[in-house]
């Protein structure tokens, strides 16, 4: 049965069912059976520095839980660039968040999908990609590519469900810090910050 046909469902449950369906079809690109929780999303969005005036890069927004938390910080919609691989999710994001720059593309090929004016100098990057589903060298290359677009010292924040960073330290020009754990998420998630020295 289509999610659209299920009467009386709130948006959270609808999103959950849609997310589960996407996971069932493409487990490698979705990576979880349920969308990111609000507490985790807000913790991730807390790294944004609105004073910079720079845009924010969101990778793998899915159903938009983190997107909403980012906009709740006061960031203008036109300063948010959201790169989403799934056409279904990208279309829903455009409807739900008009004014946000939703780019339907592979995050591992950012240089091909972001306009030239947006290929550098984002304030920070917030990623919900299921990184452990990808080869280690691809993960390292992605972190390096994203950090090339951020001012020195500004973070790329990533969550994972494992105990260790999905991109290990000592393999590139980045540093890794554990930001903490969000227990009240399904499942509980670890937060990791990647950055380069100022």
C-alpha atoms as a PDB file:
ATOM      1  CA  UNK A   1       0.000   0.000   0.000  1.00  0.00           C
ATOM      2  CA  UNK A   2       1.278   3.478  -0.844  1.00  0.00           C
ATOM      3  CA  UNK A   3       2.194   5.740   2.073  1.00  0.00           C
ATOM      4  CA  UNK A   4      -0.015   8.365   0.439  1.00  0.00           C
ATOM      5  CA  UNK A   5      -3.050   6.107   0.819  1.00  0.00           C
ATOM      6  CA  UNK A   6      -2.617   5.483   4.528  1.00  0.00           C
ATOM      7  CA  UNK A   7      -5.107   7.839   6.152  1.00  0.00           C
ATOM      8  CA  UNK A   8      -4.540   9.587   9.443  1.00  0.00           C
ATOM      9  CA  UNK A   9      -0.759   9.272   9.590  1.00  0.00           C
ATOM     10  CA  UNK A  10       1.260  12.210  10.922  1.00  0.00           C
ATOM     11  CA  UNK A  11       4.220  13.464   8.900  1.00  0.00           C
ATOM     12  CA  UNK A  12       6.759  11.734  11.154  1.00  0.00           C
ATOM     13  CA  UNK A  13       5.220   8.309  10.637  1.00  0.00           C
ATOM     14  CA  UNK A  14       4.745   8.964   6.915  1.00  0.00           C
ATOM     15  CA  UNK A  15       8.409   9.933   6.653  1.00  0.00           C
ATOM     16  CA  UNK A  16       9.400   6.860   8.596  1.00  0.00           C
ATOM     17  CA  UNK A  17       7.470   4.574   6.267  1.00  0.00           C
ATOM     18  CA  UNK A  18       8.862   6.342   3.212  1.00  0.00           C
ATOM     19  CA  UNK A  19      12.374   6.044   4.633  1.00  0.00           C
ATOM     20  CA  UNK A  20      11.872   2.356   5.396  1.00  0.00           C
ATOM     21  CA  UNK A  21      10.679   1.799   1.836  1.00  0.00           C
ATOM     22  CA  UNK A  22      13.755   3.540   0.452  1.00  0.00           C
ATOM     23  CA  UNK A  23      15.977   1.456   2.714  1.00  0.00           C
ATOM     24  CA  UNK A  24      14.297  -1.746   1.487  1.00  0.00           C
ATOM     25  CA  UNK A  25      14.918  -0.741  -2.133  1.00  0.00           C
ATOM     26  CA  UNK A  26      18.426   0.691  -1.716  1.00  0.00           C
ATOM     27  CA  UNK A  27      19.966  -0.321   1.649  1.00  0.00           C
ATOM     28  CA  UNK A  28      23.452   0.750   0.585  1.00  0.00           C
ATOM     29  CA  UNK A  29      22.471   4.342  -0.170  1.00  0.00           C
ATOM     30  CA  UNK A  30      20.004   4.805   2.710  1.00  0.00           C
ATOM     31  CA  UNK A  31      21.790   2.917   5.481  1.00  0.00           C
ATOM     32  CA  UNK A  32      19.112   2.896   8.187  1.00  0.00           C
ATOM     33  CA  UNK A  33      15.547   1.679   8.547  1.00  0.00           C
ATOM     34  CA  UNK A  34      14.294   4.896  10.187  1.00  0.00           C
ATOM     35  CA  UNK A  35      15.036   8.611   9.656  1.00  0.00           C
ATOM     36  CA  UNK A  36      17.281  10.707  11.869  1.00  0.00           C
ATOM     37  CA  UNK A  37      15.703  11.805  15.154  1.00  0.00           C
ATOM     38  CA  UNK A  38      15.037  15.448  16.022  1.00  0.00           C
ATOM     39  CA  UNK A  39      17.540  15.531  18.920  1.00  0.00           C
ATOM     40  CA  UNK A  40      20.325  14.222  16.721  1.00  0.00           C
ATOM     41  CA  UNK A  41      19.396  16.657  13.957  1.00  0.00           C
ATOM     42  CA  UNK A  42      19.476  19.651  16.319  1.00  0.00           C
ATOM     43  CA  UNK A  43      22.814  18.594  17.779  1.00  0.00           C
ATOM     44  CA  UNK A  44      24.280  18.412  14.283  1.00  0.00           C
ATOM     45  CA  UNK A  45      22.841  21.791  13.280  1.00  0.00           C
ATOM     46  CA  UNK A  46      24.323  23.402  16.396  1.00  0.00           C
ATOM     47  CA  UNK A  47      27.740  23.637  14.695  1.00  0.00           C
ATOM     48  CA  UNK A  48      26.491  26.306  12.247  1.00  0.00           C
ATOM     49  CA  UNK A  49      27.973  29.801  12.686  1.00  0.00           C
ATOM     50  CA  UNK A  50      25.328  32.206  11.367  1.00  0.00           C
ATOM     51  CA  UNK A  51      27.740  35.135  11.819  1.00  0.00           C
ATOM     52  CA  UNK A  52      29.876  33.873   8.930  1.00  0.00           C
ATOM     53  CA  UNK A  53      27.193  34.734   6.371  1.00  0.00           C
ATOM     54  CA  UNK A  54      28.314  31.667   4.426  1.00  0.00           C
ATOM     55  CA  UNK A  55      26.084  28.932   3.017  1.00  0.00           C
ATOM     56  CA  UNK A  56      25.811  25.527   4.671  1.00  0.00           C
ATOM     57  CA  UNK A  57      26.287  22.218   2.858  1.00  0.00           C
ATOM     58  CA  UNK A  58      24.019  19.315   3.812  1.00  0.00           C
ATOM     59  CA  UNK A  59      24.858  15.869   2.472  1.00  0.00           C
ATOM     60  CA  UNK A  60      22.208  13.143   2.418  1.00  0.00           C
ATOM     61  CA  UNK A  61      19.192  15.055   3.791  1.00  0.00           C
ATOM     62  CA  UNK A  62      16.775  12.155   3.237  1.00  0.00           C
ATOM     63  CA  UNK A  63      13.312  13.098   4.509  1.00  0.00           C
ATOM     64  CA  UNK A  64      14.508  16.468   5.813  1.00  0.00           C
ATOM     65  CA  UNK A  65      14.745  16.085   9.598  1.00  0.00           C
ATOM     66  CA  UNK A  66      18.230  17.627   9.646  1.00  0.00           C
ATOM     67  CA  UNK A  67      17.210  20.156   6.976  1.00  0.00           C
ATOM     68  CA  UNK A  68      14.454  21.405   9.271  1.00  0.00           C
ATOM     69  CA  UNK A  69      16.841  21.621  12.228  1.00  0.00           C
ATOM     70  CA  UNK A  70      19.307  23.609  10.105  1.00  0.00           C
ATOM     71  CA  UNK A  71      16.615  26.103   9.094  1.00  0.00           C
ATOM     72  CA  UNK A  72      15.455  26.380  12.722  1.00  0.00           C
ATOM     73  CA  UNK A  73      18.862  27.909  13.540  1.00  0.00           C
ATOM     74  CA  UNK A  74      17.808  30.950  11.494  1.00  0.00           C
ATOM     75  CA  UNK A  75      19.853  30.153   8.391  1.00  0.00           C
ATOM     76  CA  UNK A  76      18.125  31.686   5.338  1.00  0.00           C
ATOM     77  CA  UNK A  77      16.798  28.993   3.006  1.00  0.00           C
ATOM     78  CA  UNK A  78      18.774  30.279   0.055  1.00  0.00           C
ATOM     79  CA  UNK A  79      21.991  29.662   2.005  1.00  0.00           C
ATOM     80  CA  UNK A  80      21.330  25.949   2.400  1.00  0.00           C
ATOM     81  CA  UNK A  81      22.624  23.548  -0.262  1.00  0.00           C
ATOM     82  CA  UNK A  82      21.289  20.005   0.176  1.00  0.00           C
ATOM     83  CA  UNK A  83      22.801  17.212  -1.939  1.00  0.00           C
ATOM     84  CA  UNK A  84      20.486  14.181  -2.119  1.00  0.00           C
ATOM     85  CA  UNK A  85      21.048  11.034  -4.200  1.00  0.00           C
ATOM     86  CA  UNK A  86      17.453   9.760  -4.183  1.00  0.00           C
ATOM     87  CA  UNK A  87      15.065  11.395  -6.665  1.00  0.00           C
ATOM     88  CA  UNK A  88      12.119  10.533  -4.399  1.00  0.00           C
ATOM     89  CA  UNK A  89      13.656  12.286  -1.400  1.00  0.00           C
ATOM     90  CA  UNK A  90      14.918  15.224  -3.506  1.00  0.00           C
ATOM     91  CA  UNK A  91      11.429  15.852  -4.913  1.00  0.00           C
ATOM     92  CA  UNK A  92       9.883  15.734  -1.414  1.00  0.00           C
ATOM     93  CA  UNK A  93      12.535  18.120  -0.076  1.00  0.00           C
ATOM     94  CA  UNK A  94      11.778  20.672  -2.811  1.00  0.00           C
ATOM     95  CA  UNK A  95       8.081  20.560  -1.917  1.00  0.00           C
ATOM     96  CA  UNK A  96       8.680  20.708   1.819  1.00  0.00           C
ATOM     97  CA  UNK A  97      11.421  23.355   1.839  1.00  0.00           C
ATOM     98  CA  UNK A  98      10.895  25.784  -1.053  1.00  0.00           C
ATOM     99  CA  UNK A  99      13.856  28.109  -1.447  1.00  0.00           C
ATOM    100  CA  UNK A 100      16.420  25.546  -0.299  1.00  0.00           C
ATOM    101  CA  UNK A 101      18.911  24.593  -3.016  1.00  0.00           C
ATOM    102  CA  UNK A 102      18.181  20.877  -3.387  1.00  0.00           C
ATOM    103  CA  UNK A 103      20.673  19.184  -5.707  1.00  0.00           C
ATOM    104  CA  UNK A 104      19.822  15.643  -6.824  1.00  0.00           C
ATOM    105  CA  UNK A 105      23.265  14.120  -7.194  1.00  0.00           C
ATOM    106  CA  UNK A 106      25.993  11.806  -5.946  1.00  0.00           C
ATOM    107  CA  UNK A 107      27.820  13.407  -3.003  1.00  0.00           C
ATOM    108  CA  UNK A 108      30.987  11.616  -4.074  1.00  0.00           C
ATOM    109  CA  UNK A 109      31.074  13.850  -7.180  1.00  0.00           C
ATOM    110  CA  UNK A 110      30.479  17.304  -5.700  1.00  0.00           C
ATOM    111  CA  UNK A 111      32.724  19.059  -8.220  1.00  0.00           C
ATOM    112  CA  UNK A 112      30.286  18.038 -10.988  1.00  0.00           C
ATOM    113  CA  UNK A 113      27.057  19.110  -9.303  1.00  0.00           C
ATOM    114  CA  UNK A 114      27.573  22.330  -7.366  1.00  0.00           C
ATOM    115  CA  UNK A 115      27.521  25.590  -9.292  1.00  0.00           C
ATOM    116  CA  UNK A 116      30.942  27.169  -9.723  1.00  0.00           C
ATOM    117  CA  UNK A 117      30.056  29.951  -7.280  1.00  0.00           C
ATOM    118  CA  UNK A 118      29.328  27.332  -4.602  1.00  0.00           C
ATOM    119  CA  UNK A 119      32.369  25.073  -4.976  1.00  0.00           C
ATOM    120  CA  UNK A 120      34.178  26.629  -2.017  1.00  0.00           C
ATOM    121  CA  UNK A 121      33.633  28.398   1.258  1.00  0.00           C
ATOM    122  CA  UNK A 122      30.672  26.877   2.987  1.00  0.00           C
ATOM    123  CA  UNK A 123      30.493  27.665   6.702  1.00  0.00           C
ATOM    124  CA  UNK A 124      30.271  23.973   7.585  1.00  0.00           C
ATOM    125  CA  UNK A 125      28.999  20.675   6.257  1.00  0.00           C
ATOM    126  CA  UNK A 126      26.467  18.343   7.863  1.00  0.00           C
ATOM    127  CA  UNK A 127      26.348  14.765   6.613  1.00  0.00           C
ATOM    128  CA  UNK A 128      23.929  11.907   7.159  1.00  0.00           C
ATOM    129  CA  UNK A 129      25.474   9.626   4.539  1.00  0.00           C
ATOM    130  CA  UNK A 130      25.787   5.962   5.548  1.00  0.00           C
ATOM    131  CA  UNK A 131      29.554   6.192   5.110  1.00  0.00           C
ATOM    132  CA  UNK A 132      30.341   2.677   6.289  1.00  0.00           C
ATOM    133  CA  UNK A 133      28.526   1.364   3.217  1.00  0.00           C
ATOM    134  CA  UNK A 134      31.276   2.790   0.988  1.00  0.00           C
ATOM    135  CA  UNK A 135      34.951   1.860   0.460  1.00  0.00           C
ATOM    136  CA  UNK A 136      37.401   3.465   2.870  1.00  0.00           C
ATOM    137  CA  UNK A 137      39.268   5.368   0.149  1.00  0.00           C
ATOM    138  CA  UNK A 138      35.976   6.872  -1.085  1.00  0.00           C
ATOM    139  CA  UNK A 139      35.156   7.999   2.469  1.00  0.00           C
ATOM    140  CA  UNK A 140      38.553   9.642   2.875  1.00  0.00           C
ATOM    141  CA  UNK A 141      38.265  11.357  -0.520  1.00  0.00           C
ATOM    142  CA  UNK A 142      34.804  12.679   0.383  1.00  0.00           C
ATOM    143  CA  UNK A 143      36.006  14.173   3.670  1.00  0.00           C
ATOM    144  CA  UNK A 144      38.978  15.794   1.920  1.00  0.00           C
ATOM    145  CA  UNK A 145      36.724  17.180  -0.843  1.00  0.00           C
ATOM    146  CA  UNK A 146      34.260  18.658   1.631  1.00  0.00           C
ATOM    147  CA  UNK A 147      36.974  20.177   3.828  1.00  0.00           C
ATOM    148  CA  UNK A 148      38.458  21.824   0.709  1.00  0.00           C
ATOM    149  CA  UNK A 149      35.182  23.803   0.609  1.00  0.00           C
ATOM    150  CA  UNK A 150      35.272  24.972   4.241  1.00  0.00           C
ATOM    151  CA  UNK A 151      37.389  27.649   5.908  1.00  0.00           C
ATOM    152  CA  UNK A 152      40.225  26.199   8.041  1.00  0.00           C
ATOM    153  CA  UNK A 153      38.919  25.126  11.420  1.00  0.00           C
ATOM    154  CA  UNK A 154      35.284  24.806  10.342  1.00  0.00           C
ATOM    155  CA  UNK A 155      33.649  21.393  10.773  1.00  0.00           C
ATOM    156  CA  UNK A 156      32.204  18.597   8.746  1.00  0.00           C
ATOM    157  CA  UNK A 157      29.889  16.782  11.153  1.00  0.00           C
ATOM    158  CA  UNK A 158      28.881  13.186  10.513  1.00  0.00           C
ATOM    159  CA  UNK A 159      26.927  10.660  12.535  1.00  0.00           C
ATOM    160  CA  UNK A 160      27.316   6.912  12.608  1.00  0.00           C
ATOM    161  CA  UNK A 161      25.952   3.973  14.546  1.00  0.00           C
ATOM    162  CA  UNK A 162      29.327   2.378  15.189  1.00  0.00           C
ATOM    163  CA  UNK A 163      31.739   2.961  18.068  1.00  0.00           C
ATOM    164  CA  UNK A 164      34.555   4.184  15.812  1.00  0.00           C
ATOM    165  CA  UNK A 165      34.769   7.063  13.387  1.00  0.00           C
ATOM    166  CA  UNK A 166      33.614   5.962   9.908  1.00  0.00           C
ATOM    167  CA  UNK A 167      36.633   7.844   8.538  1.00  0.00           C
ATOM    168  CA  UNK A 168      39.645   6.901  10.668  1.00  0.00           C
ATOM    169  CA  UNK A 169      42.195   9.501  11.784  1.00  0.00           C
ATOM    170  CA  UNK A 170      45.716   9.612  10.397  1.00  0.00           C
ATOM    171  CA  UNK A 171      44.824   8.823   6.783  1.00  0.00           C
ATOM    172  CA  UNK A 172      44.509  12.341   5.375  1.00  0.00           C
ATOM    173  CA  UNK A 173      44.886  16.051   6.101  1.00  0.00           C
ATOM    174  CA  UNK A 174      41.956  16.108   8.525  1.00  0.00           C
ATOM    175  CA  UNK A 175      41.598  15.659  12.269  1.00  0.00           C
ATOM    176  CA  UNK A 176      38.806  13.659  13.909  1.00  0.00           C
ATOM    177  CA  UNK A 177      36.992  14.467  17.151  1.00  0.00           C
ATOM    178  CA  UNK A 178      34.129  12.668  18.831  1.00  0.00           C
ATOM    179  CA  UNK A 179      31.402  15.219  19.544  1.00  0.00           C
ATOM    180  CA  UNK A 180      29.349  12.846  21.653  1.00  0.00           C
ATOM    181  CA  UNK A 181      26.560  10.322  21.558  1.00  0.00           C
ATOM    182  CA  UNK A 182      22.833  10.888  21.149  1.00  0.00           C
ATOM    183  CA  UNK A 183      21.168   8.092  23.095  1.00  0.00           C
ATOM    184  CA  UNK A 184      17.633   9.211  22.297  1.00  0.00           C
ATOM    185  CA  UNK A 185      17.845   8.330  18.635  1.00  0.00           C
ATOM    186  CA  UNK A 186      16.793   5.126  16.866  1.00  0.00           C
ATOM    187  CA  UNK A 187      19.349   3.612  16.997  1.00  0.00           C
ATOM    188  CA  UNK A 188      21.661   5.644  19.285  1.00  0.00           C
ATOM    189  CA  UNK A 189      24.198   7.568  17.211  1.00  0.00           C
ATOM    190  CA  UNK A 190      27.754   8.814  17.609  1.00  0.00           C
ATOM    191  CA  UNK A 191      28.702  12.260  16.283  1.00  0.00           C
ATOM    192  CA  UNK A 192      32.073  12.882  14.654  1.00  0.00           C
ATOM    193  CA  UNK A 193      33.697  16.172  13.624  1.00  0.00           C
ATOM    194  CA  UNK A 194      36.287  16.378  10.843  1.00  0.00           C
ATOM    195  CA  UNK A 195      38.249  19.575  10.323  1.00  0.00           C
ATOM    196  CA  UNK A 196      41.622  21.043   9.396  1.00  0.00           C
ATOM    197  CA  UNK A 197      43.780  23.298  11.525  1.00  0.00           C
ATOM    198  CA  UNK A 198      43.193  27.036  11.301  1.00  0.00           C
END
